[in-house]
Amino acid sequence: MSGGPIPRLRWLLRALRTPRRPQSLTVLALLAAVAGLLLWRAGTMDSYAENLSLNLGTDLVGVVITVFVIGPLISRAQEGRVREHTRLDYEWFAAQVYGSTSNVKVLDTFSNLFGPQFSERLFRGVRSATAHGARVQILLLDPDSLAVILRGRELGEQSADIRRDIMRNLRTLDRFVQRLDEHSRNLLEVRLCSTSPGVTLYRWDERCLVSFLTVGRLSGEGVQLEVAVRSPLGTFVEQRFDELWQQGKPMDRFTHLPVTLVDASDGRREFSCRFVYVDDRLYVEAPDLVTYLARRRLDQLSAHSGVLGPGEEFEVMVVDDRSELHGRLIHHFTEKYDAQAAAFVELRPPTVLVTE
């Protein structure tokens, strides 16, 4: 470990705050009890105080040497070590997340980590990690991006299959976020990137698993390289993660769209809508929005959303529930949200007349 005494003291304090397994606490308590018993038995010795001071002083010197000399040397040696895993063990990774105290990061196209078999174990780990102040960042591929098509070709699958897998992950993560308390929710963030990362990253504190997106096989089925975050490979993948993270969009922007309706005679009203795109047109679904429209004249309404563009105005058009379009919207909506919908509203850019 590099740096002077202050960084080393911080490292020691962080190590002391790291959650311990119950077995470790039991062994520690047993050793403390044995040490106390031995000290009590030695109380009848001649020059007991002097001998105790001498032994404790010697032990403290050994502790200082171990923490500030031997410990850093071992840490430097471990940073350059690469450990190979034949595959990605999601249950094992979830256990590492449980004990994390600083950082947890996941970078992948989509991940079985958020599937029904492993998600609850992971979410218990995320709750524990955020309770200890760890920041959790999850970065998946945007299901509407061109990179999904490319990854589908690499895997020999339809891009629609990859898209459905990503959206299953997002639905699971969205439900989990809603169950978190405010403190944990502030420490967990999910984003979507539109560029293929080329690599995968599963990080817990100062260690991480790194793999590469290969042709014809899911990344989790291949060899995983366990390295230190500060190793050359770990540093490279961390930089790639940070680049994609800065360009990524929050999960909320994929699942919900803030819409403001402006009534010429009744002011403004805010809504949070689920939405889909069909033929590059935007359609929103929100029961309270539809109820609001039923009591208003559509020709006096306009819609705005800061996400779609500041100052841009949209016309509001209710979709006929007997039309073919309505059936297509139901299909797209069910695929995206795995939920039912009854009515849709199109947000249409105002028609621009071009004259010579």
Protein backbone atom coordinates (compact mmCIF):
# COMPACT_ATOMS: atom_id res chain seq x y z
CA MET A 1 0.00 0.00 0.00
CA SER A 2 1.43 3.32 -1.05
CA GLY A 3 1.34 6.61 0.78
CA GLY A 4 2.37 7.88 4.21
CA PRO A 5 1.09 7.01 7.67
CA ILE A 6 -2.25 8.86 7.27
CA PRO A 7 -3.51 6.82 4.27
CA ARG A 8 -2.35 3.64 6.01
CA LEU A 9 -4.26 4.58 9.15
CA ARG A 10 -7.36 5.21 7.04
CA TRP A 11 -6.89 1.79 5.41
CA LEU A 12 -6.56 0.17 8.85
CA LEU A 13 -9.71 1.92 10.15
CA ARG A 14 -11.65 0.86 7.07
CA ALA A 15 -10.44 -2.71 7.51
CA LEU A 16 -11.57 -2.64 11.13
CA ARG A 17 -15.02 -1.40 10.04
CA THR A 18 -15.39 -4.17 7.46
CA PRO A 19 -18.20 -6.57 8.49
CA ARG A 20 -16.94 -9.87 9.84
CA ARG A 21 -18.49 -13.29 9.51
CA PRO A 22 -20.08 -14.75 12.69
CA GLN A 23 -17.44 -17.51 12.76
CA SER A 24 -14.66 -14.91 12.84
CA LEU A 25 -16.32 -13.04 15.70
CA THR A 26 -16.67 -16.29 17.65
CA VAL A 27 -12.98 -17.12 17.22
CA LEU A 28 -12.01 -13.56 18.19
CA ALA A 29 -14.11 -13.70 21.36
CA LEU A 30 -12.64 -17.10 22.26
CA LEU A 31 -9.06 -15.88 21.81
CA ALA A 32 -9.79 -12.76 23.87
CA ALA A 33 -11.19 -14.92 26.66
CA VAL A 34 -8.13 -17.19 26.63
CA ALA A 35 -5.79 -14.17 26.68
CA GLY A 36 -7.68 -12.69 29.64
CA LEU A 37 -7.49 -16.00 31.52
CA LEU A 38 -3.74 -16.30 30.94
CA LEU A 39 -3.14 -12.75 32.14
CA TRP A 40 -5.20 -13.44 35.26
CA ARG A 41 -3.28 -16.65 35.98
CA ALA A 42 0.04 -14.81 35.61
CA GLY A 43 -0.97 -12.15 38.15
CA THR A 44 0.88 -13.94 40.99
CA MET A 45 4.27 -13.79 39.24
CA ASP A 46 7.09 -11.65 40.56
CA SER A 47 7.51 -8.34 38.67
CA TYR A 48 4.17 -8.95 36.96
CA ALA A 49 3.67 -5.34 35.88
CA GLU A 50 7.16 -5.04 34.42
CA ASN A 51 6.87 -8.33 32.50
CA LEU A 52 3.41 -7.39 31.21
CA SER A 53 4.66 -3.99 30.00
CA LEU A 54 7.65 -5.58 28.27
CA ASN A 55 5.56 -8.18 26.46
CA LEU A 56 2.83 -5.75 25.44
CA GLY A 57 5.42 -3.27 24.19
CA THR A 58 7.11 -5.98 22.11
CA ASP A 59 3.77 -7.09 20.68
CA LEU A 60 2.81 -3.52 19.78
CA VAL A 61 6.10 -3.08 17.90
CA GLY A 62 5.27 -6.26 15.99
CA VAL A 63 1.81 -4.93 15.16
CA VAL A 64 3.26 -1.64 13.87
CA ILE A 65 5.77 -3.46 11.68
CA THR A 66 3.05 -5.78 10.35
CA VAL A 67 0.59 -2.97 9.54
CA PHE A 68 3.00 -0.39 8.12
CA VAL A 69 5.74 -2.57 6.59
CA ILE A 70 4.74 -6.17 5.95
CA GLY A 71 1.07 -5.39 5.13
CA PRO A 72 1.89 -2.89 2.35
CA LEU A 73 4.45 -5.30 0.84
CA ILE A 74 1.85 -8.10 0.75
CA SER A 75 -0.75 -5.72 -0.73
CA ARG A 76 1.62 -4.68 -3.52
CA ALA A 77 2.36 -8.31 -4.31
CA GLN A 78 -1.35 -9.16 -4.41
CA GLU A 79 -2.16 -6.25 -6.74
CA GLY A 80 -0.18 -7.86 -9.53
CA ARG A 81 -1.67 -11.32 -8.98
CA VAL A 82 -4.27 -12.62 -11.42
CA ARG A 83 -6.61 -15.38 -10.31
CA GLU A 84 -8.62 -17.24 -12.93
CA HIS A 85 -12.22 -18.38 -12.45
CA THR A 86 -13.60 -20.83 -15.00
CA ARG A 87 -16.93 -18.99 -15.03
CA LEU A 88 -18.77 -16.21 -13.27
CA ASP A 89 -20.10 -17.54 -9.96
CA TYR A 90 -23.00 -15.15 -9.29
CA GLU A 91 -23.69 -16.50 -5.82
CA TRP A 92 -20.05 -16.05 -4.82
CA PHE A 93 -20.03 -12.48 -6.17
CA ALA A 94 -23.21 -11.67 -4.22
CA ALA A 95 -21.42 -12.81 -1.05
CA GLN A 96 -18.53 -10.42 -1.82
CA VAL A 97 -21.01 -7.58 -2.30
CA TYR A 98 -22.49 -8.31 1.13
CA GLY A 99 -19.21 -7.39 2.84
CA SER A 100 -18.38 -4.35 0.68
CA THR A 101 -17.87 -0.97 2.32
CA SER A 102 -16.77 1.39 -0.49
CA ASN A 103 -17.67 0.46 -4.09
CA VAL A 104 -19.71 -2.08 -6.02
CA LYS A 105 -19.83 -1.90 -9.82
CA VAL A 106 -21.41 -4.06 -12.50
CA LEU A 107 -20.84 -3.56 -16.24
CA ASP A 108 -22.46 -6.01 -18.67
CA THR A 109 -24.87 -6.29 -21.59
CA PHE A 110 -27.36 -7.98 -19.28
CA SER A 111 -26.67 -10.33 -16.39
CA ASN A 112 -28.06 -13.50 -14.84
CA LEU A 113 -27.07 -11.82 -11.58
CA PHE A 114 -30.43 -10.02 -11.79
CA GLY A 115 -32.33 -13.15 -12.76
CA PRO A 116 -34.73 -15.03 -10.46
CA GLN A 117 -32.07 -17.49 -9.26
CA PHE A 118 -29.57 -14.98 -7.87
CA SER A 119 -31.26 -11.57 -7.58
CA GLU A 120 -32.50 -11.93 -3.99
CA ARG A 121 -29.02 -12.94 -2.77
CA LEU A 122 -27.54 -9.97 -4.58
CA PHE A 123 -30.15 -7.55 -3.23
CA ARG A 124 -29.45 -8.69 0.34
CA GLY A 125 -25.81 -7.93 -0.36
CA VAL A 126 -26.67 -4.51 -1.83
CA ARG A 127 -28.71 -3.62 1.26
CA SER A 128 -25.79 -4.58 3.49
CA ALA A 129 -23.25 -2.72 1.34
CA THR A 130 -25.28 0.50 1.20
CA ALA A 131 -25.92 0.28 4.93
CA HIS A 132 -22.12 0.51 5.34
CA GLY A 133 -21.89 3.46 2.94
CA ALA A 134 -20.86 1.64 -0.24
CA ARG A 135 -21.83 3.20 -3.57
CA VAL A 136 -23.45 0.74 -6.01
CA GLN A 137 -23.29 1.47 -9.76
CA ILE A 138 -24.89 -0.82 -12.35
CA LEU A 139 -24.36 -0.18 -16.06
CA LEU A 140 -26.21 -2.25 -18.68
CA LEU A 141 -26.68 -1.89 -22.43
CA ASP A 142 -29.54 0.33 -23.59
CA PRO A 143 -32.11 -2.10 -25.07
CA ASP A 144 -33.04 0.44 -27.76
CA SER A 145 -29.47 1.00 -28.93
CA LEU A 146 -27.81 -0.29 -32.11
CA ALA A 147 -25.25 -2.06 -29.91
CA VAL A 148 -27.97 -4.59 -29.00
CA ILE A 149 -28.23 -5.61 -32.65
CA LEU A 150 -24.46 -6.01 -32.86
CA ARG A 151 -24.32 -8.12 -29.69
CA GLY A 152 -27.17 -10.29 -30.97
CA ARG A 153 -25.17 -11.05 -34.12
CA GLU A 154 -22.10 -11.92 -32.04
CA LEU A 155 -24.12 -14.38 -29.97
CA GLY A 156 -25.97 -15.80 -32.96
CA GLU A 157 -29.28 -14.72 -31.45
CA GLN A 158 -32.02 -12.33 -32.46
CA SER A 159 -31.48 -8.81 -31.15
CA ALA A 160 -35.07 -8.97 -29.84
CA ASP A 161 -33.97 -11.77 -27.47
CA ILE A 162 -31.11 -9.70 -26.09
CA ARG A 163 -33.48 -6.74 -25.73
CA ARG A 164 -35.97 -8.83 -23.74
CA ASP A 165 -33.20 -10.09 -21.44
CA ILE A 166 -32.07 -6.53 -20.72
CA MET A 167 -35.61 -5.38 -20.05
CA ARG A 168 -36.16 -8.27 -17.62
CA ASN A 169 -33.09 -7.05 -15.73
CA LEU A 170 -34.40 -3.49 -15.73
CA ARG A 171 -37.84 -4.50 -14.44
CA THR A 172 -36.22 -6.49 -11.62
CA LEU A 173 -33.92 -3.59 -10.71
CA ASP A 174 -36.74 -1.05 -10.87
CA ARG A 175 -38.88 -3.10 -8.47
CA PHE A 176 -35.93 -3.48 -6.11
CA VAL A 177 -35.19 0.26 -6.12
CA GLN A 178 -38.79 0.98 -5.16
CA ARG A 179 -38.43 -1.26 -2.09
CA LEU A 180 -35.31 0.50 -0.76
CA ASP A 181 -35.25 3.15 1.93
CA GLU A 182 -34.13 6.65 0.98
CA HIS A 183 -30.54 6.20 2.24
CA SER A 184 -29.95 3.03 0.19
CA ARG A 185 -31.76 4.44 -2.84
CA ASN A 186 -29.41 7.42 -2.91
CA LEU A 187 -26.40 5.08 -3.00
CA LEU A 188 -27.71 2.81 -5.78
CA GLU A 189 -27.79 4.01 -9.38
CA VAL A 190 -28.57 2.14 -12.59
CA ARG A 191 -27.64 3.56 -15.99
CA LEU A 192 -27.84 2.45 -19.62
CA CYS A 193 -25.09 2.87 -22.21
CA SER A 194 -25.60 2.88 -25.96
CA THR A 195 -22.07 1.73 -26.87
CA SER A 196 -20.88 -1.86 -26.55
CA PRO A 197 -18.38 -1.95 -23.66
CA GLY A 198 -16.31 -4.83 -25.07
CA VAL A 199 -15.57 -5.95 -21.49
CA THR A 200 -17.48 -6.87 -18.37
CA LEU A 201 -16.74 -5.73 -14.83
CA TYR A 202 -17.95 -7.07 -11.48
CA ARG A 203 -16.27 -5.09 -8.71
CA TRP A 204 -16.42 -5.22 -4.93
CA ASP A 205 -14.26 -2.75 -3.01
CA GLU A 206 -10.67 -3.08 -4.29
CA ARG A 207 -11.08 -6.36 -6.21
CA CYS A 208 -12.93 -7.11 -9.44
CA LEU A 209 -13.75 -9.81 -11.97
CA VAL A 210 -12.96 -8.89 -15.58
CA SER A 211 -14.00 -10.70 -18.75
CA PHE A 212 -14.50 -9.90 -22.42
CA LEU A 213 -17.54 -10.03 -24.69
CA THR A 214 -16.72 -13.00 -26.91
CA VAL A 215 -18.37 -14.27 -30.07
CA GLY A 216 -20.87 -17.10 -29.68
CA ARG A 217 -20.85 -17.23 -25.88
CA LEU A 218 -22.19 -15.19 -22.98
CA SER A 219 -19.49 -13.40 -21.00
CA GLY A 220 -20.47 -15.13 -17.74
CA GLU A 221 -19.77 -18.54 -19.27
CA GLY A 222 -16.13 -17.72 -20.02
CA VAL A 223 -13.00 -17.29 -17.89
CA GLN A 224 -13.15 -14.48 -15.34
CA LEU A 225 -9.94 -12.74 -14.29
CA GLU A 226 -9.90 -11.66 -10.66
CA VAL A 227 -7.53 -8.71 -10.27
CA ALA A 228 -6.95 -5.72 -8.02
CA VAL A 229 -8.68 -2.53 -9.13
CA ARG A 230 -5.30 -0.74 -9.11
CA SER A 231 -3.61 -3.35 -11.33
CA PRO A 232 -3.00 -2.39 -14.99
CA LEU A 233 -5.96 -4.48 -16.20
CA GLY A 234 -8.20 -3.26 -13.38
CA THR A 235 -7.28 0.36 -14.11
CA PHE A 236 -8.03 -0.08 -17.83
CA VAL A 237 -11.49 -1.58 -17.21
CA GLU A 238 -12.30 1.05 -14.56
CA GLN A 239 -11.48 3.80 -17.06
CA ARG A 240 -13.76 2.14 -19.62
CA PHE A 241 -16.53 1.93 -17.04
CA ASP A 242 -16.17 5.61 -16.12
CA GLU A 243 -16.30 6.68 -19.79
CA LEU A 244 -19.50 4.73 -20.43
CA TRP A 245 -21.00 5.83 -17.12
CA GLN A 246 -20.61 9.50 -17.98
CA GLN A 247 -22.32 8.95 -21.33
CA GLY A 248 -25.04 6.67 -19.95
CA LYS A 249 -28.61 7.68 -19.13
CA PRO A 250 -30.37 6.90 -15.84
CA MET A 251 -32.71 3.92 -15.82
CA ASP A 252 -35.61 6.22 -14.92
CA ARG A 253 -35.36 7.87 -18.33
CA PHE A 254 -36.03 4.50 -19.95
CA THR A 255 -38.90 3.48 -17.68
CA HIS A 256 -40.66 6.79 -16.94
CA LEU A 257 -41.10 10.07 -18.76
CA PRO A 258 -41.97 13.31 -16.91
CA VAL A 259 -44.72 15.14 -18.79
CA THR A 260 -46.18 18.56 -18.08
CA LEU A 261 -49.62 19.38 -19.52
CA VAL A 262 -50.39 23.04 -19.98
CA ASP A 263 -54.05 24.05 -20.17
CA ALA A 264 -54.72 27.48 -21.62
CA SER A 265 -57.41 28.05 -18.99
CA ASP A 266 -56.35 25.84 -16.08
CA GLY A 267 -52.60 26.13 -15.60
CA ARG A 268 -50.05 23.28 -15.46
CA ARG A 269 -50.17 19.68 -14.28
CA GLU A 270 -47.25 17.27 -13.80
CA PHE A 271 -47.37 13.54 -14.67
CA SER A 272 -44.95 10.61 -14.61
CA CYS A 273 -45.76 8.34 -17.55
CA ARG A 274 -44.66 4.98 -18.83
CA PHE A 275 -43.99 5.16 -22.55
CA VAL A 276 -43.14 3.31 -25.75
CA TYR A 277 -41.98 4.26 -29.24
CA VAL A 278 -43.67 2.80 -32.31
CA ASP A 279 -42.53 3.87 -35.79
CA ASP A 280 -40.45 6.61 -34.14
CA ARG A 281 -43.56 8.12 -32.55
CA LEU A 282 -43.92 8.60 -28.82
CA TYR A 283 -46.88 7.20 -26.88
CA VAL A 284 -47.39 7.54 -23.14
CA GLU A 285 -49.57 5.60 -20.70
CA ALA A 286 -50.74 6.97 -17.37
CA PRO A 287 -54.26 6.42 -15.94
CA ASP A 288 -54.28 9.77 -14.13
CA LEU A 289 -53.24 11.57 -17.32
CA VAL A 290 -56.07 9.94 -19.29
CA THR A 291 -58.56 10.87 -16.56
CA TYR A 292 -57.31 14.46 -16.68
CA LEU A 293 -57.71 14.59 -20.48
CA ALA A 294 -61.29 13.31 -20.27
CA ARG A 295 -62.28 16.54 -18.55
CA ARG A 296 -60.40 18.89 -20.89
CA ARG A 297 -60.51 20.10 -24.47
CA LEU A 298 -57.50 18.67 -26.29
CA ASP A 299 -57.18 21.68 -28.58
CA GLN A 300 -56.45 23.82 -25.51
CA LEU A 301 -53.72 21.51 -24.20
CA SER A 302 -50.02 21.24 -24.94
CA ALA A 303 -47.42 18.88 -23.52
CA HIS A 304 -43.82 19.51 -22.50
CA SER A 305 -40.98 17.35 -21.19
CA GLY A 306 -37.51 18.54 -20.26
CA VAL A 307 -36.13 15.12 -21.18
CA LEU A 308 -37.30 15.44 -24.79
CA GLY A 309 -35.96 18.93 -25.18
CA PRO A 310 -36.31 22.18 -23.22
CA GLY A 311 -39.04 24.40 -24.59
CA GLU A 312 -40.29 21.82 -27.12
CA GLU A 313 -44.07 21.61 -27.33
CA PHE A 314 -46.16 18.58 -28.28
CA GLU A 315 -49.75 18.10 -29.34
CA VAL A 316 -51.83 15.64 -27.33
CA MET A 317 -53.68 12.94 -29.30
CA VAL A 318 -55.67 10.08 -27.72
CA VAL A 319 -55.20 6.75 -29.56
CA ASP A 320 -58.38 5.01 -30.68
CA ASP A 321 -58.62 1.79 -28.65
CA ARG A 322 -60.26 0.00 -31.61
CA SER A 323 -57.43 0.72 -34.03
CA GLU A 324 -54.65 -1.58 -35.21
CA LEU A 325 -52.17 0.88 -33.70
CA HIS A 326 -53.66 0.31 -30.25
CA GLY A 327 -53.02 -3.43 -30.56
CA ARG A 328 -49.39 -2.80 -31.53
CA LEU A 329 -48.98 -0.44 -28.59
CA ILE A 330 -50.33 -3.08 -26.21
CA HIS A 331 -47.76 -5.55 -27.57
CA HIS A 332 -44.81 -3.15 -27.18
CA PHE A 333 -45.95 -1.99 -23.77
CA THR A 334 -46.35 -5.54 -22.42
CA GLU A 335 -42.92 -6.46 -23.76
CA LYS A 336 -41.31 -3.47 -22.07
CA TYR A 337 -43.13 -3.37 -18.72
CA ASP A 338 -44.69 -6.84 -18.39
CA ALA A 339 -47.91 -5.04 -17.44
CA GLN A 340 -51.32 -4.28 -18.86
CA ALA A 341 -52.41 -0.94 -20.32
CA ALA A 342 -55.80 0.35 -21.42
CA ALA A 343 -55.29 3.73 -23.06
CA PHE A 344 -52.45 5.52 -24.82
CA VAL A 345 -51.80 9.14 -25.65
CA GLU A 346 -49.54 10.24 -28.49
CA LEU A 347 -47.25 13.20 -27.92
CA ARG A 348 -46.92 14.56 -31.43
CA PRO A 349 -44.59 17.39 -32.45
CA PRO A 350 -46.64 20.23 -33.91
CA THR A 351 -47.00 20.15 -37.67
CA VAL A 352 -44.65 22.58 -39.37
CA LEU A 353 -45.90 24.09 -42.59
CA VAL A 354 -43.18 24.65 -45.17
CA THR A 355 -43.86 27.48 -47.64
CA GLU A 356 -41.85 28.91 -50.46
